[in-house]
Amino acid sequence: MYYEVGGYVGSVYHCKECGYVGAFVVEANEEMIEKIKETYKREKRKEKKEEEEKEEEKDKEEGEEEEKDKEEGEEEEKDKEEGEEEEKDKEEEEEKETEDKMEEGEEEKE
């Protein structure tokens, strides 16, 4: 699809309103040229709007992915901290048990 905005003699244009597709301009008609210009501008605005919508959608998806990754990272960090705390608690319990056993062993010796 090719739009000729100027409507020069011998140029190819497409106008949805007047139905000329790929016709050669033999005699430039001002009304026809204006319709072609309007159609061209409308199509360009439509294309630009569609591109902007795609960009917004893409940005939105990227933002959601980043937030999801961030949440997952926070959850992993939380799980890691909880695991470390549990490990520390286990070690402390084992140390306590070992100390208790040692004390019991010393008492039995006496």
PDB file of N, CA and C in Angstrom:
ATOM      1  N   MET A   1       0.855  -1.184   0.000  1.00  0.00           N
ATOM      2  CA  MET A   1       0.000   0.000   0.000  1.00  0.00           C
ATOM      3  C   MET A   1       0.896   1.241   0.000  1.00  0.00           C
ATOM      4  N   TYR A   2       0.729   2.095  -0.959  1.00  0.00           N
ATOM      5  CA  TYR A   2       1.574   3.275  -1.077  1.00  0.00           C
ATOM      6  C   TYR A   2       0.694   4.505  -1.134  1.00  0.00           C
ATOM      7  N   TYR A   3       1.042   5.496  -0.325  1.00  0.00           N
ATOM      8  CA  TYR A   3       0.273   6.739  -0.291  1.00  0.00           C
ATOM      9  C   TYR A   3       1.114   7.834  -0.918  1.00  0.00           C
ATOM     10  N   GLU A   4       0.548   8.510  -1.879  1.00  0.00           N
ATOM     11  CA  GLU A   4       1.228   9.667  -2.443  1.00  0.00           C
ATOM     12  C   GLU A   4       0.503  10.896  -1.938  1.00  0.00           C
ATOM     13  N   VAL A   5       1.165  11.641  -1.085  1.00  0.00           N
ATOM     14  CA  VAL A   5       0.517  12.784  -0.445  1.00  0.00           C
ATOM     15  C   VAL A   5       0.379  13.945  -1.410  1.00  0.00           C
ATOM     16  N   GLY A   6       1.371  14.146  -2.243  1.00  0.00           N
ATOM     17  CA  GLY A   6       1.351  15.316  -3.116  1.00  0.00           C
ATOM     18  C   GLY A   6       0.385  15.204  -4.284  1.00  0.00           C
ATOM     19  N   GLY A   7       0.120  13.997  -4.732  1.00  0.00           N
ATOM     20  CA  GLY A   7      -0.776  13.817  -5.865  1.00  0.00           C
ATOM     21  C   GLY A   7      -0.158  14.313  -7.160  1.00  0.00           C
ATOM     22  N   TYR A   8       1.121  14.063  -7.341  1.00  0.00           N
ATOM     23  CA  TYR A   8       1.794  14.519  -8.546  1.00  0.00           C
ATOM     24  C   TYR A   8       1.326  13.706  -9.745  1.00  0.00           C
ATOM     25  N   VAL A   9       1.358  14.314 -10.890  1.00  0.00           N
ATOM     26  CA  VAL A   9       0.958  13.630 -12.116  1.00  0.00           C
ATOM     27  C   VAL A   9       1.915  12.461 -12.352  1.00  0.00           C
ATOM     28  N   GLY A  10       1.332  11.284 -12.588  1.00  0.00           N
ATOM     29  CA  GLY A  10       2.140  10.091 -12.830  1.00  0.00           C
ATOM     30  C   GLY A  10       2.482   9.313 -11.568  1.00  0.00           C
ATOM     31  N   SER A  11       2.077   9.790 -10.390  1.00  0.00           N
ATOM     32  CA  SER A  11       2.397   9.084  -9.147  1.00  0.00           C
ATOM     33  C   SER A  11       1.279   8.119  -8.765  1.00  0.00           C
ATOM     34  N   VAL A  12       1.610   7.132  -7.957  1.00  0.00           N
ATOM     35  CA  VAL A  12       0.649   6.118  -7.536  1.00  0.00           C
ATOM     36  C   VAL A  12       0.123   6.495  -6.159  1.00  0.00           C
ATOM     37  N   TYR A  13      -1.165   6.286  -5.948  1.00  0.00           N
ATOM     38  CA  TYR A  13      -1.738   6.571  -4.627  1.00  0.00           C
ATOM     39  C   TYR A  13      -2.842   5.577  -4.318  1.00  0.00           C
ATOM     40  N   HIS A  14      -3.249   5.582  -3.069  1.00  0.00           N
ATOM     41  CA  HIS A  14      -4.345   4.728  -2.611  1.00  0.00           C
ATOM     42  C   HIS A  14      -5.244   5.596  -1.753  1.00  0.00           C
ATOM     43  N   CYS A  15      -6.526   5.542  -2.019  1.00  0.00           N
ATOM     44  CA  CYS A  15      -7.476   6.309  -1.222  1.00  0.00           C
ATOM     45  C   CYS A  15      -8.639   5.398  -0.892  1.00  0.00           C
ATOM     46  N   LYS A  16      -8.818   5.092   0.404  1.00  0.00           N
ATOM     47  CA  LYS A  16      -9.903   4.196   0.810  1.00  0.00           C
ATOM     48  C   LYS A  16     -11.266   4.843   0.591  1.00  0.00           C
ATOM     49  N   GLU A  17     -11.334   6.138   0.776  1.00  0.00           N
ATOM     50  CA  GLU A  17     -12.611   6.834   0.669  1.00  0.00           C
ATOM     51  C   GLU A  17     -13.138   6.863  -0.761  1.00  0.00           C
ATOM     52  N   CYS A  18     -12.275   7.159  -1.728  1.00  0.00           N
ATOM     53  CA  CYS A  18     -12.764   7.257  -3.094  1.00  0.00           C
ATOM     54  C   CYS A  18     -12.548   5.967  -3.881  1.00  0.00           C
ATOM     55  N   GLY A  19     -11.891   4.956  -3.253  1.00  0.00           N
ATOM     56  CA  GLY A  19     -11.792   3.642  -3.870  1.00  0.00           C
ATOM     57  C   GLY A  19     -10.701   3.480  -4.906  1.00  0.00           C
ATOM     58  N   TYR A  20      -9.873   4.466  -5.109  1.00  0.00           N
ATOM     59  CA  TYR A  20      -8.793   4.346  -6.075  1.00  0.00           C
ATOM     60  C   TYR A  20      -7.634   3.615  -5.410  1.00  0.00           C
ATOM     61  N   VAL A  21      -7.240   2.511  -6.014  1.00  0.00           N
ATOM     62  CA  VAL A  21      -6.120   1.757  -5.467  1.00  0.00           C
ATOM     63  C   VAL A  21      -5.074   1.609  -6.557  1.00  0.00           C
ATOM     64  N   GLY A  22      -3.886   2.112  -6.299  1.00  0.00           N
ATOM     65  CA  GLY A  22      -2.801   1.956  -7.252  1.00  0.00           C
ATOM     66  C   GLY A  22      -3.063   2.628  -8.581  1.00  0.00           C
ATOM     67  N   ALA A  23      -3.850   3.685  -8.584  1.00  0.00           N
ATOM     68  CA  ALA A  23      -4.152   4.393  -9.832  1.00  0.00           C
ATOM     69  C   ALA A  23      -3.087   5.456 -10.075  1.00  0.00           C
ATOM     70  N   PHE A  24      -2.924   5.819 -11.320  1.00  0.00           N
ATOM     71  CA  PHE A  24      -1.989   6.884 -11.650  1.00  0.00           C
ATOM     72  C   PHE A  24      -2.745   8.194 -11.726  1.00  0.00           C
ATOM     73  N   VAL A  25      -2.154   9.200 -11.148  1.00  0.00           N
ATOM     74  CA  VAL A  25      -2.782  10.516 -11.186  1.00  0.00           C
ATOM     75  C   VAL A  25      -2.517  11.112 -12.565  1.00  0.00           C
ATOM     76  N   VAL A  26      -3.600  11.341 -13.278  1.00  0.00           N
ATOM     77  CA  VAL A  26      -3.463  11.939 -14.598  1.00  0.00           C
ATOM     78  C   VAL A  26      -3.670  13.438 -14.476  1.00  0.00           C
ATOM     79  N   GLU A  27      -4.681  13.797 -13.727  1.00  0.00           N
ATOM     80  CA  GLU A  27      -4.953  15.204 -13.504  1.00  0.00           C
ATOM     81  C   GLU A  27      -5.183  15.370 -12.009  1.00  0.00           C
ATOM     82  N   ALA A  28      -4.410  16.175 -11.366  1.00  0.00           N
ATOM     83  CA  ALA A  28      -4.499  16.336  -9.915  1.00  0.00           C
ATOM     84  C   ALA A  28      -5.764  17.093  -9.552  1.00  0.00           C
ATOM     85  N   ASN A  29      -6.628  16.445  -8.782  1.00  0.00           N
ATOM     86  CA  ASN A  29      -7.867  17.042  -8.312  1.00  0.00           C
ATOM     87  C   ASN A  29      -7.645  17.439  -6.850  1.00  0.00           C
ATOM     88  N   GLU A  30      -7.863  18.692  -6.490  1.00  0.00           N
ATOM     89  CA  GLU A  30      -7.603  19.186  -5.128  1.00  0.00           C
ATOM     90  C   GLU A  30      -8.384  18.405  -4.079  1.00  0.00           C
ATOM     91  N   GLU A  31      -9.651  18.106  -4.348  1.00  0.00           N
ATOM     92  CA  GLU A  31     -10.479  17.374  -3.382  1.00  0.00           C
ATOM     93  C   GLU A  31      -9.905  15.972  -3.153  1.00  0.00           C
ATOM     94  N   MET A  32      -9.506  15.331  -4.234  1.00  0.00           N
ATOM     95  CA  MET A  32      -8.942  13.990  -4.133  1.00  0.00           C
ATOM     96  C   MET A  32      -7.623  14.032  -3.362  1.00  0.00           C
ATOM     97  N   ILE A  33      -6.815  15.020  -3.638  1.00  0.00           N
ATOM     98  CA  ILE A  33      -5.531  15.162  -2.946  1.00  0.00           C
ATOM     99  C   ILE A  33      -5.757  15.350  -1.450  1.00  0.00           C
ATOM    100  N   GLU A  34      -6.730  16.159  -1.068  1.00  0.00           N
ATOM    101  CA  GLU A  34      -7.041  16.382   0.351  1.00  0.00           C
ATOM    102  C   GLU A  34      -7.493  15.085   1.017  1.00  0.00           C
ATOM    103  N   LYS A  35      -8.329  14.313   0.328  1.00  0.00           N
ATOM    104  CA  LYS A  35      -8.784  13.036   0.887  1.00  0.00           C
ATOM    105  C   LYS A  35      -7.602  12.091   1.092  1.00  0.00           C
ATOM    106  N   ILE A  36      -6.715  12.072   0.123  1.00  0.00           N
ATOM    107  CA  ILE A  36      -5.536  11.217   0.228  1.00  0.00           C
ATOM    108  C   ILE A  36      -4.676  11.646   1.415  1.00  0.00           C
ATOM    109  N   LYS A  37      -4.474  12.944   1.561  1.00  0.00           N
ATOM    110  CA  LYS A  37      -3.682  13.459   2.683  1.00  0.00           C
ATOM    111  C   LYS A  37      -4.314  13.081   4.020  1.00  0.00           C
ATOM    112  N   GLU A  38      -5.633  13.250   4.137  1.00  0.00           N
ATOM    113  CA  GLU A  38      -6.337  12.926   5.381  1.00  0.00           C
ATOM    114  C   GLU A  38      -6.213  11.439   5.699  1.00  0.00           C
ATOM    115  N   THR A  39      -6.410  10.616   4.679  1.00  0.00           N
ATOM    116  CA  THR A  39      -6.308   9.169   4.874  1.00  0.00           C
ATOM    117  C   THR A  39      -4.899   8.794   5.321  1.00  0.00           C
ATOM    118  N   TYR A  40      -3.913   9.380   4.685  1.00  0.00           N
ATOM    119  CA  TYR A  40      -2.515   9.112   5.024  1.00  0.00           C
ATOM    120  C   TYR A  40      -2.228   9.483   6.477  1.00  0.00           C
ATOM    121  N   LYS A  41      -2.666  10.665   6.869  1.00  0.00           N
ATOM    122  CA  LYS A  41      -2.438  11.127   8.246  1.00  0.00           C
ATOM    123  C   LYS A  41      -3.150  10.224   9.249  1.00  0.00           C
ATOM    124  N   ARG A  42      -4.381   9.838   8.935  1.00  0.00           N
ATOM    125  CA  ARG A  42      -5.145   8.955   9.826  1.00  0.00           C
ATOM    126  C   ARG A  42      -4.424   7.620  10.013  1.00  0.00           C
ATOM    127  N   GLU A  43      -3.964   7.057   8.892  1.00  0.00           N
ATOM    128  CA  GLU A  43      -3.263   5.771   8.954  1.00  0.00           C
ATOM    129  C   GLU A  43      -1.978   5.892   9.771  1.00  0.00           C
ATOM    130  N   LYS A  44      -1.259   6.978   9.589  1.00  0.00           N
ATOM    131  CA  LYS A  44      -0.014   7.185  10.347  1.00  0.00           C
ATOM    132  C   LYS A  44      -0.309   7.302  11.838  1.00  0.00           C
ATOM    133  N   ARG A  45      -1.360   8.056  12.187  1.00  0.00           N
ATOM    134  CA  ARG A  45      -1.735   8.193  13.606  1.00  0.00           C
ATOM    135  C   ARG A  45      -2.126   6.840  14.183  1.00  0.00           C
ATOM    136  N   LYS A  46      -2.871   6.071  13.396  1.00  0.00           N
ATOM    137  CA  LYS A  46      -3.316   4.746  13.840  1.00  0.00           C
ATOM    138  C   LYS A  46      -2.107   3.837  14.086  1.00  0.00           C
ATOM    139  N   GLU A  47      -1.163   3.845  13.150  1.00  0.00           N
ATOM    140  CA  GLU A  47       0.046   3.033  13.298  1.00  0.00           C
ATOM    141  C   GLU A  47       0.836   3.456  14.533  1.00  0.00           C
ATOM    142  N   LYS A  48       0.972   4.759  14.718  1.00  0.00           N
ATOM    143  CA  LYS A  48       1.717   5.281  15.865  1.00  0.00           C
ATOM    144  C   LYS A  48       1.041   4.866  17.172  1.00  0.00           C
ATOM    145  N   LYS A  49      -0.285   4.965  17.209  1.00  0.00           N
ATOM    146  CA  LYS A  49      -1.038   4.594  18.408  1.00  0.00           C
ATOM    147  C   LYS A  49      -0.853   3.107  18.710  1.00  0.00           C
ATOM    148  N   GLU A  50      -0.920   2.270  17.684  1.00  0.00           N
ATOM    149  CA  GLU A  50      -0.734   0.828  17.866  1.00  0.00           C
ATOM    150  C   GLU A  50       0.663   0.523  18.403  1.00  0.00           C
ATOM    151  N   GLU A  51       1.676   1.217  17.868  1.00  0.00           N
ATOM    152  CA  GLU A  51       3.045   1.017  18.342  1.00  0.00           C
ATOM    153  C   GLU A  51       3.169   1.418  19.806  1.00  0.00           C
ATOM    154  N   GLU A  52       2.557   2.550  20.177  1.00  0.00           N
ATOM    155  CA  GLU A  52       2.602   3.005  21.564  1.00  0.00           C
ATOM    156  C   GLU A  52       1.916   2.001  22.487  1.00  0.00           C
ATOM    157  N   GLU A  53       0.783   1.458  22.045  1.00  0.00           N
ATOM    158  CA  GLU A  53       0.072   0.457  22.851  1.00  0.00           C
ATOM    159  C   GLU A  53       0.929  -0.794  23.035  1.00  0.00           C
ATOM    160  N   LYS A  54       1.612  -1.207  21.970  1.00  0.00           N
ATOM    161  CA  LYS A  54       2.488  -2.375  22.069  1.00  0.00           C
ATOM    162  C   LYS A  54       3.617  -2.103  23.060  1.00  0.00           C
ATOM    163  N   GLU A  55       4.201  -0.896  22.985  1.00  0.00           N
ATOM    164  CA  GLU A  55       5.279  -0.527  23.902  1.00  0.00           C
ATOM    165  C   GLU A  55       4.789  -0.527  25.345  1.00  0.00           C
ATOM    166  N   GLU A  56       3.596   0.045  25.568  1.00  0.00           N
ATOM    167  CA  GLU A  56       3.032   0.082  26.917  1.00  0.00           C
ATOM    168  C   GLU A  56       2.798  -1.330  27.432  1.00  0.00           C
ATOM    169  N   GLU A  57       2.263  -2.184  26.578  1.00  0.00           N
ATOM    170  CA  GLU A  57       2.006  -3.582  26.957  1.00  0.00           C
ATOM    171  C   GLU A  57       3.320  -4.272  27.310  1.00  0.00           C
ATOM    172  N   LYS A  58       4.328  -4.029  26.476  1.00  0.00           N
ATOM    173  CA  LYS A  58       5.637  -4.641  26.702  1.00  0.00           C
ATOM    174  C   LYS A  58       6.228  -4.147  28.024  1.00  0.00           C
ATOM    175  N   ASP A  59       6.167  -2.832  28.257  1.00  0.00           N
ATOM    176  CA  ASP A  59       6.677  -2.259  29.504  1.00  0.00           C
ATOM    177  C   ASP A  59       5.934  -2.821  30.704  1.00  0.00           C
ATOM    178  N   LYS A  60       4.626  -2.962  30.564  1.00  0.00           N
ATOM    179  CA  LYS A  60       3.805  -3.497  31.657  1.00  0.00           C
ATOM    180  C   LYS A  60       4.225  -4.930  31.976  1.00  0.00           C
ATOM    181  N   GLU A  61       4.400  -5.743  30.932  1.00  0.00           N
ATOM    182  CA  GLU A  61       4.815  -7.132  31.128  1.00  0.00           C
ATOM    183  C   GLU A  61       6.188  -7.202  31.784  1.00  0.00           C
ATOM    184  N   GLU A  62       7.118  -6.346  31.328  1.00  0.00           N
ATOM    185  CA  GLU A  62       8.457  -6.332  31.917  1.00  0.00           C
ATOM    186  C   GLU A  62       8.389  -5.924  33.380  1.00  0.00           C
ATOM    187  N   GLY A  63       7.554  -4.938  33.682  1.00  0.00           N
ATOM    188  CA  GLY A  63       7.385  -4.495  35.066  1.00  0.00           C
ATOM    189  C   GLY A  63       6.834  -5.604  35.937  1.00  0.00           C
ATOM    190  N   GLU A  64       5.858  -6.341  35.417  1.00  0.00           N
ATOM    191  CA  GLU A  64       5.279  -7.460  36.166  1.00  0.00           C
ATOM    192  C   GLU A  64       6.324  -8.545  36.397  1.00  0.00           C
ATOM    193  N   GLU A  65       7.129  -8.831  35.370  1.00  0.00           N
ATOM    194  CA  GLU A  65       8.167  -9.850  35.507  1.00  0.00           C
ATOM    195  C   GLU A  65       9.202  -9.432  36.546  1.00  0.00           C
ATOM    196  N   GLU A  66       9.607  -8.156  36.508  1.00  0.00           N
ATOM    197  CA  GLU A  66      10.579  -7.663  37.476  1.00  0.00           C
ATOM    198  C   GLU A  66      10.029  -7.767  38.888  1.00  0.00           C
ATOM    199  N   GLU A  67       8.772  -7.397  39.059  1.00  0.00           N
ATOM    200  CA  GLU A  67       8.160  -7.466  40.382  1.00  0.00           C
ATOM    201  C   GLU A  67       8.071  -8.919  40.846  1.00  0.00           C
ATOM    202  N   LYS A  68       7.715  -9.804  39.923  1.00  0.00           N
ATOM    203  CA  LYS A  68       7.615 -11.225  40.256  1.00  0.00           C
ATOM    204  C   LYS A  68       8.992 -11.756  40.671  1.00  0.00           C
ATOM    205  N   ASP A  69      10.019 -11.395  39.890  1.00  0.00           N
ATOM    206  CA  ASP A  69      11.380 -11.822  40.217  1.00  0.00           C
ATOM    207  C   ASP A  69      11.808 -11.274  41.576  1.00  0.00           C
ATOM    208  N   LYS A  70      11.452 -10.039  41.834  1.00  0.00           N
ATOM    209  CA  LYS A  70      11.799  -9.404  43.106  1.00  0.00           C
ATOM    210  C   LYS A  70      11.132 -10.144  44.263  1.00  0.00           C
ATOM    211  N   GLU A  71       9.844 -10.452  44.101  1.00  0.00           N
ATOM    212  CA  GLU A  71       9.121 -11.182  45.139  1.00  0.00           C
ATOM    213  C   GLU A  71       9.732 -12.560  45.359  1.00  0.00           C
ATOM    214  N   GLU A  72      10.067 -13.248  44.273  1.00  0.00           N
ATOM    215  CA  GLU A  72      10.684 -14.566  44.397  1.00  0.00           C
ATOM    216  C   GLU A  72      12.029 -14.461  45.104  1.00  0.00           C
ATOM    217  N   GLY A  73      12.797 -13.438  44.767  1.00  0.00           N
ATOM    218  CA  GLY A  73      14.091 -13.218  45.417  1.00  0.00           C
ATOM    219  C   GLY A  73      13.922 -12.980  46.908  1.00  0.00           C
ATOM    220  N   GLU A  74      12.920 -12.185  47.273  1.00  0.00           N
ATOM    221  CA  GLU A  74      12.655 -11.920  48.684  1.00  0.00           C
ATOM    222  C   GLU A  74      12.245 -13.201  49.400  1.00  0.00           C
ATOM    223  N   GLU A  75      11.402 -14.012  48.755  1.00  0.00           N
ATOM    224  CA  GLU A  75      10.976 -15.276  49.355  1.00  0.00           C
ATOM    225  C   GLU A  75      12.164 -16.212  49.547  1.00  0.00           C
ATOM    226  N   GLU A  76      13.028 -16.296  48.537  1.00  0.00           N
ATOM    227  CA  GLU A  76      14.206 -17.153  48.643  1.00  0.00           C
ATOM    228  C   GLU A  76      15.107 -16.685  49.775  1.00  0.00           C
ATOM    229  N   GLU A  77      15.278 -15.370  49.876  1.00  0.00           N
ATOM    230  CA  GLU A  77      16.114 -14.809  50.935  1.00  0.00           C
ATOM    231  C   GLU A  77      15.516 -15.128  52.303  1.00  0.00           C
ATOM    232  N   LYS A  78      14.205 -14.993  52.403  1.00  0.00           N
ATOM    233  CA  LYS A  78      13.509 -15.293  53.654  1.00  0.00           C
ATOM    234  C   LYS A  78      13.692 -16.768  54.014  1.00  0.00           C
ATOM    235  N   ASP A  79      13.491 -17.643  53.024  1.00  0.00           N
ATOM    236  CA  ASP A  79      13.666 -19.081  53.253  1.00  0.00           C
ATOM    237  C   ASP A  79      15.101 -19.390  53.683  1.00  0.00           C
ATOM    238  N   LYS A  80      16.047 -18.735  53.046  1.00  0.00           N
ATOM    239  CA  LYS A  80      17.457 -18.946  53.371  1.00  0.00           C
ATOM    240  C   LYS A  80      17.732 -18.525  54.817  1.00  0.00           C
ATOM    241  N   GLU A  81      17.211 -17.352  55.203  1.00  0.00           N
ATOM    242  CA  GLU A  81      17.402 -16.871  56.570  1.00  0.00           C
ATOM    243  C   GLU A  81      16.762 -17.829  57.573  1.00  0.00           C
ATOM    244  N   GLU A  82      15.559 -18.303  57.260  1.00  0.00           N
ATOM    245  CA  GLU A  82      14.884 -19.249  58.152  1.00  0.00           C
ATOM    246  C   GLU A  82      15.693 -20.536  58.271  1.00  0.00           C
ATOM    247  N   GLY A  83      16.236 -21.008  57.165  1.00  0.00           N
ATOM    248  CA  GLY A  83      17.066 -22.217  57.166  1.00  0.00           C
ATOM    249  C   GLY A  83      18.302 -22.023  58.027  1.00  0.00           C
ATOM    250  N   GLU A  84      18.937 -20.844  57.913  1.00  0.00           N
ATOM    251  CA  GLU A  84      20.117 -20.546  58.720  1.00  0.00           C
ATOM    252  C   GLU A  84      19.760 -20.502  60.199  1.00  0.00           C
ATOM    253  N   GLU A  85      18.627 -19.894  60.525  1.00  0.00           N
ATOM    254  CA  GLU A  85      18.194 -19.824  61.916  1.00  0.00           C
ATOM    255  C   GLU A  85      17.936 -21.222  62.472  1.00  0.00           C
ATOM    256  N   GLU A  86      17.274 -22.065  61.689  1.00  0.00           N
ATOM    257  CA  GLU A  86      17.011 -23.437  62.122  1.00  0.00           C
ATOM    258  C   GLU A  86      18.320 -24.187  62.350  1.00  0.00           C
ATOM    259  N   GLU A  87      19.277 -23.977  61.457  1.00  0.00           N
ATOM    260  CA  GLU A  87      20.570 -24.637  61.580  1.00  0.00           C
ATOM    261  C   GLU A  87      21.284 -24.182  62.855  1.00  0.00           C
ATOM    262  N   LYS A  88      21.237 -22.880  63.121  1.00  0.00           N
ATOM    263  CA  LYS A  88      21.845 -22.355  64.348  1.00  0.00           C
ATOM    264  C   LYS A  88      21.178 -22.959  65.572  1.00  0.00           C
ATOM    265  N   ASP A  89      19.850 -23.018  65.561  1.00  0.00           N
ATOM    266  CA  ASP A  89      19.116 -23.601  66.684  1.00  0.00           C
ATOM    267  C   ASP A  89      19.531 -25.057  66.894  1.00  0.00           C
ATOM    268  N   LYS A  90      19.676 -25.816  65.808  1.00  0.00           N
ATOM    269  CA  LYS A  90      20.087 -27.216  65.904  1.00  0.00           C
ATOM    270  C   LYS A  90      21.469 -27.315  66.532  1.00  0.00           C
ATOM    271  N   GLU A  91      22.388 -26.482  66.046  1.00  0.00           N
ATOM    272  CA  GLU A  91      23.754 -26.502  66.572  1.00  0.00           C
ATOM    273  C   GLU A  91      23.766 -26.170  68.058  1.00  0.00           C
ATOM    274  N   GLU A  92      22.990 -25.157  68.444  1.00  0.00           N
ATOM    275  CA  GLU A  92      22.923 -24.782  69.853  1.00  0.00           C
ATOM    276  C   GLU A  92      22.362 -25.922  70.690  1.00  0.00           C
ATOM    277  N   GLU A  93      21.337 -26.597  70.182  1.00  0.00           N
ATOM    278  CA  GLU A  93      20.749 -27.736  70.902  1.00  0.00           C
ATOM    279  C   GLU A  93      21.772 -28.849  71.058  1.00  0.00           C
ATOM    280  N   GLU A  94      22.496 -29.139  69.976  1.00  0.00           N
ATOM    281  CA  GLU A  94      23.509 -30.191  70.034  1.00  0.00           C
ATOM    282  C   GLU A  94      24.597 -29.838  71.037  1.00  0.00           C
ATOM    283  N   GLU A  95      25.024 -28.574  71.039  1.00  0.00           N
ATOM    284  CA  GLU A  95      26.042 -28.141  71.995  1.00  0.00           C
ATOM    285  C   GLU A  95      25.530 -28.289  73.425  1.00  0.00           C
ATOM    286  N   LYS A  96      24.288 -27.898  73.632  1.00  0.00           N
ATOM    287  CA  LYS A  96      23.684 -28.006  74.960  1.00  0.00           C
ATOM    288  C   LYS A  96      23.630 -29.468  75.400  1.00  0.00           C
ATOM    289  N   GLU A  97      23.188 -30.334  74.492  1.00  0.00           N
ATOM    290  CA  GLU A  97      23.107 -31.758  74.812  1.00  0.00           C
ATOM    291  C   GLU A  97      24.492 -32.311  75.135  1.00  0.00           C
ATOM    292  N   THR A  98      25.479 -31.905  74.342  1.00  0.00           N
ATOM    293  CA  THR A  98      26.845 -32.366  74.580  1.00  0.00           C
ATOM    294  C   THR A  98      27.325 -31.904  75.952  1.00  0.00           C
ATOM    295  N   GLU A  99      27.067 -30.637  76.278  1.00  0.00           N
ATOM    296  CA  GLU A  99      27.462 -30.107  77.585  1.00  0.00           C
ATOM    297  C   GLU A  99      26.744 -30.846  78.705  1.00  0.00           C
ATOM    298  N   ASP A 100      25.456 -31.101  78.539  1.00  0.00           N
ATOM    299  CA  ASP A 100      24.688 -31.825  79.552  1.00  0.00           C
ATOM    300  C   ASP A 100      25.265 -33.224  79.760  1.00  0.00           C
ATOM    301  N   LYS A 101      25.589 -33.904  78.656  1.00  0.00           N
ATOM    302  CA  LYS A 101      26.156 -35.244  78.757  1.00  0.00           C
ATOM    303  C   LYS A 101      27.499 -35.206  79.479  1.00  0.00           C
ATOM    304  N   MET A 102      28.303 -34.203  79.185  1.00  0.00           N
ATOM    305  CA  MET A 102      29.610 -34.072  79.831  1.00  0.00           C
ATOM    306  C   MET A 102      29.437 -33.850  81.328  1.00  0.00           C
ATOM    307  N   GLU A 103      28.492 -32.988  81.675  1.00  0.00           N
ATOM    308  CA  GLU A 103      28.243 -32.719  83.091  1.00  0.00           C
ATOM    309  C   GLU A 103      27.765 -33.980  83.795  1.00  0.00           C
ATOM    310  N   GLU A 104      26.887 -34.739  83.148  1.00  0.00           N
ATOM    311  CA  GLU A 104      26.399 -35.990  83.730  1.00  0.00           C
ATOM    312  C   GLU A 104      27.549 -36.979  83.901  1.00  0.00           C
ATOM    313  N   GLY A 105      28.411 -37.033  82.916  1.00  0.00           N
ATOM    314  CA  GLY A 105      29.572 -37.928  82.976  1.00  0.00           C
ATOM    315  C   GLY A 105      30.489 -37.546  84.128  1.00  0.00           C
ATOM    316  N   GLU A 106      30.712 -36.255  84.358  1.00  0.00           N
ATOM    317  CA  GLU A 106      31.563 -35.789  85.452  1.00  0.00           C
ATOM    318  C   GLU A 106      30.924 -36.114  86.792  1.00  0.00           C
ATOM    319  N   GLU A 107      29.617 -35.944  86.893  1.00  0.00           N
ATOM    320  CA  GLU A 107      28.917 -36.227  88.142  1.00  0.00           C
ATOM    321  C   GLU A 107      29.001 -37.711  88.469  1.00  0.00           C
ATOM    322  N   GLU A 108      28.898 -38.563  87.453  1.00  0.00           N
ATOM    323  CA  GLU A 108      28.977 -40.002  87.675  1.00  0.00           C
ATOM    324  C   GLU A 108      30.367 -40.398  88.147  1.00  0.00           C
ATOM    325  N   LYS A 109      31.402 -39.740  87.620  1.00  0.00           N
ATOM    326  CA  LYS A 109      32.775 -40.039  88.008  1.00  0.00           C
ATOM    327  C   LYS A 109      32.992 -39.700  89.476  1.00  0.00           C
ATOM    328  N   GLU A 110      32.398 -38.609  89.923  1.00  0.00           N
ATOM    329  CA  GLU A 110      32.597 -38.176  91.299  1.00  0.00           C
ATOM    330  C   GLU A 110      31.887 -39.128  92.192  1.00  0.00           C
TER     331      GLU A 110
END
